[in-house]
Amino acid sequence: MGFVAFFLIFMEITTQVFHFVKTSHTGLRKSLVMALSGAALGLLANAVFIDVFESSKIAFIFWILMGILVGMIKLKEENV
């Protein structure tokens, strides 16, 4: 059940990012969302080989960046 909950968090963020990228015009916010998504994808690829989420230094930064990512997407939805 823990893995399913963890996986669903990433699936929800992924669907929000894809919807944002499809509906958004070019700009700084879209570039930042795509850059943070790429960084998250790189960290998730690294997590296949080593347990990066066990390290609190990396996990804190990762979840803060994911919060900023979701916040920028929600800010766009409120402005539309």
PDB file of N, CA and C in Angstrom:
ATOM      1  N   MET A   1       0.822  -1.186   0.000  1.00  0.00           N
ATOM      2  CA  MET A   1       0.000   0.000   0.000  1.00  0.00           C
ATOM      3  C   MET A   1       0.871   1.256   0.000  1.00  0.00           C
ATOM      4  N   GLY A   2       2.017   1.179   0.640  1.00  0.00           N
ATOM      5  CA  GLY A   2       2.906   2.330   0.659  1.00  0.00           C
ATOM      6  C   GLY A   2       3.439   2.652  -0.725  1.00  0.00           C
ATOM      7  N   PHE A   3       3.809   1.624  -1.474  1.00  0.00           N
ATOM      8  CA  PHE A   3       4.306   1.848  -2.827  1.00  0.00           C
ATOM      9  C   PHE A   3       3.225   2.434  -3.719  1.00  0.00           C
ATOM     10  N   VAL A   4       2.007   1.941  -3.571  1.00  0.00           N
ATOM     11  CA  VAL A   4       0.899   2.449  -4.391  1.00  0.00           C
ATOM     12  C   VAL A   4       0.671   3.931  -4.096  1.00  0.00           C
ATOM     13  N   ALA A   5       0.684   4.307  -2.828  1.00  0.00           N
ATOM     14  CA  ALA A   5       0.500   5.716  -2.464  1.00  0.00           C
ATOM     15  C   ALA A   5       1.647   6.568  -3.012  1.00  0.00           C
ATOM     16  N   PHE A   6       2.875   6.080  -2.885  1.00  0.00           N
ATOM     17  CA  PHE A   6       4.046   6.795  -3.389  1.00  0.00           C
ATOM     18  C   PHE A   6       3.974   6.938  -4.899  1.00  0.00           C
ATOM     19  N   PHE A   7       3.570   5.878  -5.585  1.00  0.00           N
ATOM     20  CA  PHE A   7       3.446   5.891  -7.036  1.00  0.00           C
ATOM     21  C   PHE A   7       2.343   6.845  -7.490  1.00  0.00           C
ATOM     22  N   LEU A   8       1.229   6.876  -6.772  1.00  0.00           N
ATOM     23  CA  LEU A   8       0.122   7.758  -7.150  1.00  0.00           C
ATOM     24  C   LEU A   8       0.485   9.238  -7.018  1.00  0.00           C
ATOM     25  N   ILE A   9       1.342   9.572  -6.070  1.00  0.00           N
ATOM     26  CA  ILE A   9       1.815  10.956  -5.952  1.00  0.00           C
ATOM     27  C   ILE A   9       2.531  11.362  -7.237  1.00  0.00           C
ATOM     28  N   PHE A  10       3.427  10.500  -7.709  1.00  0.00           N
ATOM     29  CA  PHE A  10       4.164  10.813  -8.931  1.00  0.00           C
ATOM     30  C   PHE A  10       3.258  10.817 -10.156  1.00  0.00           C
ATOM     31  N   MET A  11       2.280   9.956 -10.191  1.00  0.00           N
ATOM     32  CA  MET A  11       1.348   9.930 -11.321  1.00  0.00           C
ATOM     33  C   MET A  11       0.515  11.217 -11.368  1.00  0.00           C
ATOM     34  N   GLU A  12       0.079  11.701 -10.221  1.00  0.00           N
ATOM     35  CA  GLU A  12      -0.708  12.941 -10.184  1.00  0.00           C
ATOM     36  C   GLU A  12       0.138  14.132 -10.624  1.00  0.00           C
ATOM     37  N   ILE A  13       1.365  14.207 -10.152  1.00  0.00           N
ATOM     38  CA  ILE A  13       2.249  15.301 -10.572  1.00  0.00           C
ATOM     39  C   ILE A  13       2.511  15.218 -12.072  1.00  0.00           C
ATOM     40  N   THR A  14       2.717  14.018 -12.579  1.00  0.00           N
ATOM     41  CA  THR A  14       2.969  13.833 -14.014  1.00  0.00           C
ATOM     42  C   THR A  14       1.780  14.270 -14.857  1.00  0.00           C
ATOM     43  N   THR A  15       0.568  13.909 -14.454  1.00  0.00           N
ATOM     44  CA  THR A  15      -0.609  14.317 -15.231  1.00  0.00           C
ATOM     45  C   THR A  15      -0.790  15.828 -15.183  1.00  0.00           C
ATOM     46  N   GLN A  16      -0.522  16.447 -14.036  1.00  0.00           N
ATOM     47  CA  GLN A  16      -0.625  17.902 -13.946  1.00  0.00           C
ATOM     48  C   GLN A  16       0.398  18.591 -14.836  1.00  0.00           C
ATOM     49  N   VAL A  17       1.617  18.053 -14.874  1.00  0.00           N
ATOM     50  CA  VAL A  17       2.667  18.637 -15.716  1.00  0.00           C
ATOM     51  C   VAL A  17       2.304  18.513 -17.190  1.00  0.00           C
ATOM     52  N   PHE A  18       1.845  17.334 -17.637  1.00  0.00           N
ATOM     53  CA  PHE A  18       1.472  17.162 -19.037  1.00  0.00           C
ATOM     54  C   PHE A  18       0.329  18.093 -19.427  1.00  0.00           C
ATOM     55  N   HIS A  19      -0.662  18.229 -18.569  1.00  0.00           N
ATOM     56  CA  HIS A  19      -1.780  19.131 -18.860  1.00  0.00           C
ATOM     57  C   HIS A  19      -1.300  20.580 -18.932  1.00  0.00           C
ATOM     58  N   PHE A  20      -0.404  20.971 -18.030  1.00  0.00           N
ATOM     59  CA  PHE A  20       0.123  22.328 -18.013  1.00  0.00           C
ATOM     60  C   PHE A  20       0.922  22.614 -19.277  1.00  0.00           C
ATOM     61  N   VAL A  21       1.774  21.670 -19.673  1.00  0.00           N
ATOM     62  CA  VAL A  21       2.625  21.880 -20.855  1.00  0.00           C
ATOM     63  C   VAL A  21       1.773  21.965 -22.115  1.00  0.00           C
ATOM     64  N   LYS A  22       0.708  21.173 -22.199  1.00  0.00           N
ATOM     65  CA  LYS A  22      -0.170  21.220 -23.373  1.00  0.00           C
ATOM     66  C   LYS A  22      -0.918  22.545 -23.479  1.00  0.00           C
ATOM     67  N   THR A  23      -1.408  23.053 -22.364  1.00  0.00           N
ATOM     68  CA  THR A  23      -2.275  24.227 -22.405  1.00  0.00           C
ATOM     69  C   THR A  23      -1.536  25.545 -22.245  1.00  0.00           C
ATOM     70  N   SER A  24      -0.288  25.514 -21.839  1.00  0.00           N
ATOM     71  CA  SER A  24       0.447  26.737 -21.556  1.00  0.00           C
ATOM     72  C   SER A  24       1.180  27.226 -22.798  1.00  0.00           C
ATOM     73  N   HIS A  25       1.319  28.535 -22.885  1.00  0.00           N
ATOM     74  CA  HIS A  25       2.121  29.132 -23.947  1.00  0.00           C
ATOM     75  C   HIS A  25       3.566  29.206 -23.479  1.00  0.00           C
ATOM     76  N   THR A  26       4.459  29.531 -24.381  1.00  0.00           N
ATOM     77  CA  THR A  26       5.862  29.610 -24.003  1.00  0.00           C
ATOM     78  C   THR A  26       6.058  30.737 -23.007  1.00  0.00           C
ATOM     79  N   GLY A  27       7.002  30.549 -22.138  1.00  0.00           N
ATOM     80  CA  GLY A  27       7.291  31.568 -21.143  1.00  0.00           C
ATOM     81  C   GLY A  27       8.179  31.006 -20.051  1.00  0.00           C
ATOM     82  N   LEU A  28       8.489  31.852 -19.090  1.00  0.00           N
ATOM     83  CA  LEU A  28       9.373  31.463 -18.004  1.00  0.00           C
ATOM     84  C   LEU A  28       8.759  30.364 -17.150  1.00  0.00           C
ATOM     85  N   ARG A  29       7.479  30.459 -16.859  1.00  0.00           N
ATOM     86  CA  ARG A  29       6.832  29.456 -16.002  1.00  0.00           C
ATOM     87  C   ARG A  29       6.838  28.080 -16.670  1.00  0.00           C
ATOM     88  N   LYS A  30       6.564  28.033 -17.965  1.00  0.00           N
ATOM     89  CA  LYS A  30       6.585  26.756 -18.681  1.00  0.00           C
ATOM     90  C   LYS A  30       7.995  26.181 -18.710  1.00  0.00           C
ATOM     91  N   SER A  31       8.991  27.033 -18.904  1.00  0.00           N
ATOM     92  CA  SER A  31      10.377  26.572 -18.914  1.00  0.00           C
ATOM     93  C   SER A  31      10.783  26.016 -17.559  1.00  0.00           C
ATOM     94  N   LEU A  32      10.378  26.682 -16.490  1.00  0.00           N
ATOM     95  CA  LEU A  32      10.706  26.196 -15.147  1.00  0.00           C
ATOM     96  C   LEU A  32      10.012  24.876 -14.840  1.00  0.00           C
ATOM     97  N   VAL A  33       8.764  24.735 -15.250  1.00  0.00           N
ATOM     98  CA  VAL A  33       8.041  23.485 -15.019  1.00  0.00           C
ATOM     99  C   VAL A  33       8.713  22.348 -15.774  1.00  0.00           C
ATOM    100  N   MET A  34       9.121  22.605 -17.013  1.00  0.00           N
ATOM    101  CA  MET A  34       9.776  21.558 -17.784  1.00  0.00           C
ATOM    102  C   MET A  34      11.155  21.225 -17.200  1.00  0.00           C
ATOM    103  N   ALA A  35      11.891  22.227 -16.708  1.00  0.00           N
ATOM    104  CA  ALA A  35      13.204  21.983 -16.112  1.00  0.00           C
ATOM    105  C   ALA A  35      13.076  21.181 -14.815  1.00  0.00           C
ATOM    106  N   LEU A  36      12.126  21.538 -13.972  1.00  0.00           N
ATOM    107  CA  LEU A  36      11.927  20.795 -12.731  1.00  0.00           C
ATOM    108  C   LEU A  36      11.440  19.380 -13.009  1.00  0.00           C
ATOM    109  N   SER A  37      10.640  19.219 -14.041  1.00  0.00           N
ATOM    110  CA  SER A  37      10.185  17.877 -14.424  1.00  0.00           C
ATOM    111  C   SER A  37      11.361  17.028 -14.901  1.00  0.00           C
ATOM    112  N   GLY A  38      12.248  17.620 -15.666  1.00  0.00           N
ATOM    113  CA  GLY A  38      13.429  16.908 -16.122  1.00  0.00           C
ATOM    114  C   GLY A  38      14.351  16.528 -14.969  1.00  0.00           C
ATOM    115  N   ALA A  39      14.494  17.437 -14.008  1.00  0.00           N
ATOM    116  CA  ALA A  39      15.311  17.133 -12.826  1.00  0.00           C
ATOM    117  C   ALA A  39      14.687  15.990 -12.030  1.00  0.00           C
ATOM    118  N   ALA A  40      13.367  16.000 -11.896  1.00  0.00           N
ATOM    119  CA  ALA A  40      12.687  14.923 -11.179  1.00  0.00           C
ATOM    120  C   ALA A  40      12.841  13.605 -11.917  1.00  0.00           C
ATOM    121  N   LEU A  41      12.752  13.643 -13.227  1.00  0.00           N
ATOM    122  CA  LEU A  41      12.926  12.429 -14.021  1.00  0.00           C
ATOM    123  C   LEU A  41      14.342  11.873 -13.868  1.00  0.00           C
ATOM    124  N   GLY A  42      15.321  12.743 -13.843  1.00  0.00           N
ATOM    125  CA  GLY A  42      16.703  12.299 -13.633  1.00  0.00           C
ATOM    126  C   GLY A  42      16.901  11.693 -12.262  1.00  0.00           C
ATOM    127  N   LEU A  43      16.301  12.286 -11.248  1.00  0.00           N
ATOM    128  CA  LEU A  43      16.417  11.746  -9.896  1.00  0.00           C
ATOM    129  C   LEU A  43      15.689  10.415  -9.773  1.00  0.00           C
ATOM    130  N   LEU A  44      14.548  10.285 -10.439  1.00  0.00           N
ATOM    131  CA  LEU A  44      13.827   9.016 -10.406  1.00  0.00           C
ATOM    132  C   LEU A  44      14.598   7.923 -11.152  1.00  0.00           C
ATOM    133  N   ALA A  45      15.286   8.300 -12.230  1.00  0.00           N
ATOM    134  CA  ALA A  45      16.124   7.323 -12.935  1.00  0.00           C
ATOM    135  C   ALA A  45      17.282   6.883 -12.043  1.00  0.00           C
ATOM    136  N   ASN A  46      17.835   7.810 -11.289  1.00  0.00           N
ATOM    137  CA  ASN A  46      18.898   7.492 -10.344  1.00  0.00           C
ATOM    138  C   ASN A  46      18.376   6.621  -9.206  1.00  0.00           C
ATOM    139  N   ALA A  47      17.120   6.791  -8.843  1.00  0.00           N
ATOM    140  CA  ALA A  47      16.524   6.026  -7.746  1.00  0.00           C
ATOM    141  C   ALA A  47      16.360   4.553  -8.114  1.00  0.00           C
ATOM    142  N   VAL A  48      16.423   4.224  -9.404  1.00  0.00           N
ATOM    143  CA  VAL A  48      16.361   2.818  -9.810  1.00  0.00           C
ATOM    144  C   VAL A  48      17.617   2.085  -9.334  1.00  0.00           C
ATOM    145  N   PHE A  49      18.747   2.770  -9.316  1.00  0.00           N
ATOM    146  CA  PHE A  49      20.015   2.134  -8.987  1.00  0.00           C
ATOM    147  C   PHE A  49      20.396   2.258  -7.515  1.00  0.00           C
ATOM    148  N   ILE A  50      20.136   3.420  -6.902  1.00  0.00           N
ATOM    149  CA  ILE A  50      20.431   3.592  -5.481  1.00  0.00           C
ATOM    150  C   ILE A  50      19.224   4.223  -4.814  1.00  0.00           C
ATOM    151  N   ASP A  51      19.138   4.086  -3.521  1.00  0.00           N
ATOM    152  CA  ASP A  51      17.988   4.601  -2.777  1.00  0.00           C
ATOM    153  C   ASP A  51      18.225   6.071  -2.410  1.00  0.00           C
ATOM    154  N   VAL A  52      17.937   6.969  -3.341  1.00  0.00           N
ATOM    155  CA  VAL A  52      18.191   8.388  -3.104  1.00  0.00           C
ATOM    156  C   VAL A  52      17.166   9.007  -2.158  1.00  0.00           C
ATOM    157  N   PHE A  53      15.997   8.427  -2.055  1.00  0.00           N
ATOM    158  CA  PHE A  53      14.986   9.005  -1.177  1.00  0.00           C
ATOM    159  C   PHE A  53      15.245   8.666   0.287  1.00  0.00           C
ATOM    160  N   GLU A  54      16.177   7.772   0.551  1.00  0.00           N
ATOM    161  CA  GLU A  54      16.562   7.458   1.925  1.00  0.00           C
ATOM    162  C   GLU A  54      17.421   8.580   2.503  1.00  0.00           C
ATOM    163  N   SER A  55      18.179   9.248   1.656  1.00  0.00           N
ATOM    164  CA  SER A  55      19.024  10.351   2.095  1.00  0.00           C
ATOM    165  C   SER A  55      18.159  11.585   2.318  1.00  0.00           C
ATOM    166  N   SER A  56      18.151  12.069   3.551  1.00  0.00           N
ATOM    167  CA  SER A  56      17.264  13.192   3.860  1.00  0.00           C
ATOM    168  C   SER A  56      17.685  14.470   3.140  1.00  0.00           C
ATOM    169  N   LYS A  57      18.992  14.637   2.884  1.00  0.00           N
ATOM    170  CA  LYS A  57      19.446  15.844   2.189  1.00  0.00           C
ATOM    171  C   LYS A  57      18.832  15.930   0.800  1.00  0.00           C
ATOM    172  N   ILE A  58      18.805  14.842   0.097  1.00  0.00           N
ATOM    173  CA  ILE A  58      18.260  14.827  -1.260  1.00  0.00           C
ATOM    174  C   ILE A  58      16.739  14.843  -1.227  1.00  0.00           C
ATOM    175  N   ALA A  59      16.147  14.093  -0.317  1.00  0.00           N
ATOM    176  CA  ALA A  59      14.687  14.004  -0.249  1.00  0.00           C
ATOM    177  C   ALA A  59      14.063  15.357   0.099  1.00  0.00           C
ATOM    178  N   PHE A  60      14.645  16.090   1.037  1.00  0.00           N
ATOM    179  CA  PHE A  60      14.102  17.403   1.395  1.00  0.00           C
ATOM    180  C   PHE A  60      14.092  18.337   0.188  1.00  0.00           C
ATOM    181  N   ILE A  61      15.198  18.394  -0.506  1.00  0.00           N
ATOM    182  CA  ILE A  61      15.296  19.272  -1.680  1.00  0.00           C
ATOM    183  C   ILE A  61      14.329  18.817  -2.773  1.00  0.00           C
ATOM    184  N   PHE A  62      14.237  17.506  -2.990  1.00  0.00           N
ATOM    185  CA  PHE A  62      13.341  16.982  -4.020  1.00  0.00           C
ATOM    186  C   PHE A  62      11.895  17.358  -3.737  1.00  0.00           C
ATOM    187  N   TRP A  63      11.427  17.143  -2.518  1.00  0.00           N
ATOM    188  CA  TRP A  63      10.026  17.421  -2.213  1.00  0.00           C
ATOM    189  C   TRP A  63       9.727  18.913  -2.186  1.00  0.00           C
ATOM    190  N   ILE A  64      10.711  19.729  -1.813  1.00  0.00           N
ATOM    191  CA  ILE A  64      10.523  21.178  -1.898  1.00  0.00           C
ATOM    192  C   ILE A  64      10.381  21.598  -3.360  1.00  0.00           C
ATOM    193  N   LEU A  65      11.222  21.057  -4.235  1.00  0.00           N
ATOM    194  CA  LEU A  65      11.128  21.381  -5.658  1.00  0.00           C
ATOM    195  C   LEU A  65       9.813  20.887  -6.259  1.00  0.00           C
ATOM    196  N   MET A  66       9.331  19.728  -5.839  1.00  0.00           N
ATOM    197  CA  MET A  66       8.042  19.233  -6.332  1.00  0.00           C
ATOM    198  C   MET A  66       6.905  20.126  -5.834  1.00  0.00           C
ATOM    199  N   GLY A  67       7.031  20.646  -4.628  1.00  0.00           N
ATOM    200  CA  GLY A  67       6.030  21.583  -4.119  1.00  0.00           C
ATOM    201  C   GLY A  67       6.018  22.878  -4.920  1.00  0.00           C
ATOM    202  N   ILE A  68       7.194  23.368  -5.273  1.00  0.00           N
ATOM    203  CA  ILE A  68       7.286  24.567  -6.110  1.00  0.00           C
ATOM    204  C   ILE A  68       6.689  24.294  -7.485  1.00  0.00           C
ATOM    205  N   LEU A  69       6.973  23.125  -8.037  1.00  0.00           N
ATOM    206  CA  LEU A  69       6.433  22.733  -9.340  1.00  0.00           C
ATOM    207  C   LEU A  69       4.912  22.728  -9.324  1.00  0.00           C
ATOM    208  N   VAL A  70       4.328  22.049  -8.351  1.00  0.00           N
ATOM    209  CA  VAL A  70       2.866  21.979  -8.265  1.00  0.00           C
ATOM    210  C   VAL A  70       2.285  23.357  -7.969  1.00  0.00           C
ATOM    211  N   GLY A  71       2.972  24.146  -7.154  1.00  0.00           N
ATOM    212  CA  GLY A  71       2.507  25.505  -6.863  1.00  0.00           C
ATOM    213  C   GLY A  71       2.468  26.385  -8.097  1.00  0.00           C
ATOM    214  N   MET A  72       3.494  26.273  -8.952  1.00  0.00           N
ATOM    215  CA  MET A  72       3.489  27.057 -10.195  1.00  0.00           C
ATOM    216  C   MET A  72       2.366  26.623 -11.118  1.00  0.00           C
ATOM    217  N   ILE A  73       2.080  25.332 -11.154  1.00  0.00           N
ATOM    218  CA  ILE A  73       0.988  24.841 -11.994  1.00  0.00           C
ATOM    219  C   ILE A  73      -0.351  25.337 -11.453  1.00  0.00           C
ATOM    220  N   LYS A  74      -0.544  25.276 -10.150  1.00  0.00           N
ATOM    221  CA  LYS A  74      -1.796  25.737  -9.546  1.00  0.00           C
ATOM    222  C   LYS A  74      -1.960  27.243  -9.716  1.00  0.00           C
ATOM    223  N   LEU A  75      -0.865  27.989  -9.635  1.00  0.00           N
ATOM    224  CA  LEU A  75      -0.913  29.437  -9.841  1.00  0.00           C
ATOM    225  C   LEU A  75      -1.372  29.759 -11.241  1.00  0.00           C
ATOM    226  N   LYS A  76      -0.931  28.985 -12.238  1.00  0.00           N
ATOM    227  CA  LYS A  76      -1.357  29.172 -13.616  1.00  0.00           C
ATOM    228  C   LYS A  76      -2.858  28.909 -13.756  1.00  0.00           C
ATOM    229  N   GLU A  77      -3.346  27.865 -13.092  1.00  0.00           N
ATOM    230  CA  GLU A  77      -4.771  27.528 -13.182  1.00  0.00           C
ATOM    231  C   GLU A  77      -5.636  28.625 -12.576  1.00  0.00           C
ATOM    232  N   GLU A  78      -5.160  29.263 -11.504  1.00  0.00           N
ATOM    233  CA  GLU A  78      -5.924  30.329 -10.870  1.00  0.00           C
ATOM    234  C   GLU A  78      -5.930  31.599 -11.710  1.00  0.00           C
ATOM    235  N   ASN A  79      -4.847  31.833 -12.461  1.00  0.00           N
ATOM    236  CA  ASN A  79      -4.749  33.045 -13.278  1.00  0.00           C
ATOM    237  C   ASN A  79      -5.552  32.966 -14.559  1.00  0.00           C
ATOM    238  N   VAL A  80      -5.913  31.760 -14.984  1.00  0.00           N
ATOM    239  CA  VAL A  80      -6.625  31.597 -16.255  1.00  0.00           C
ATOM    240  C   VAL A  80      -8.067  31.924 -16.118  1.00  0.00           C
TER     241      VAL A  80
END
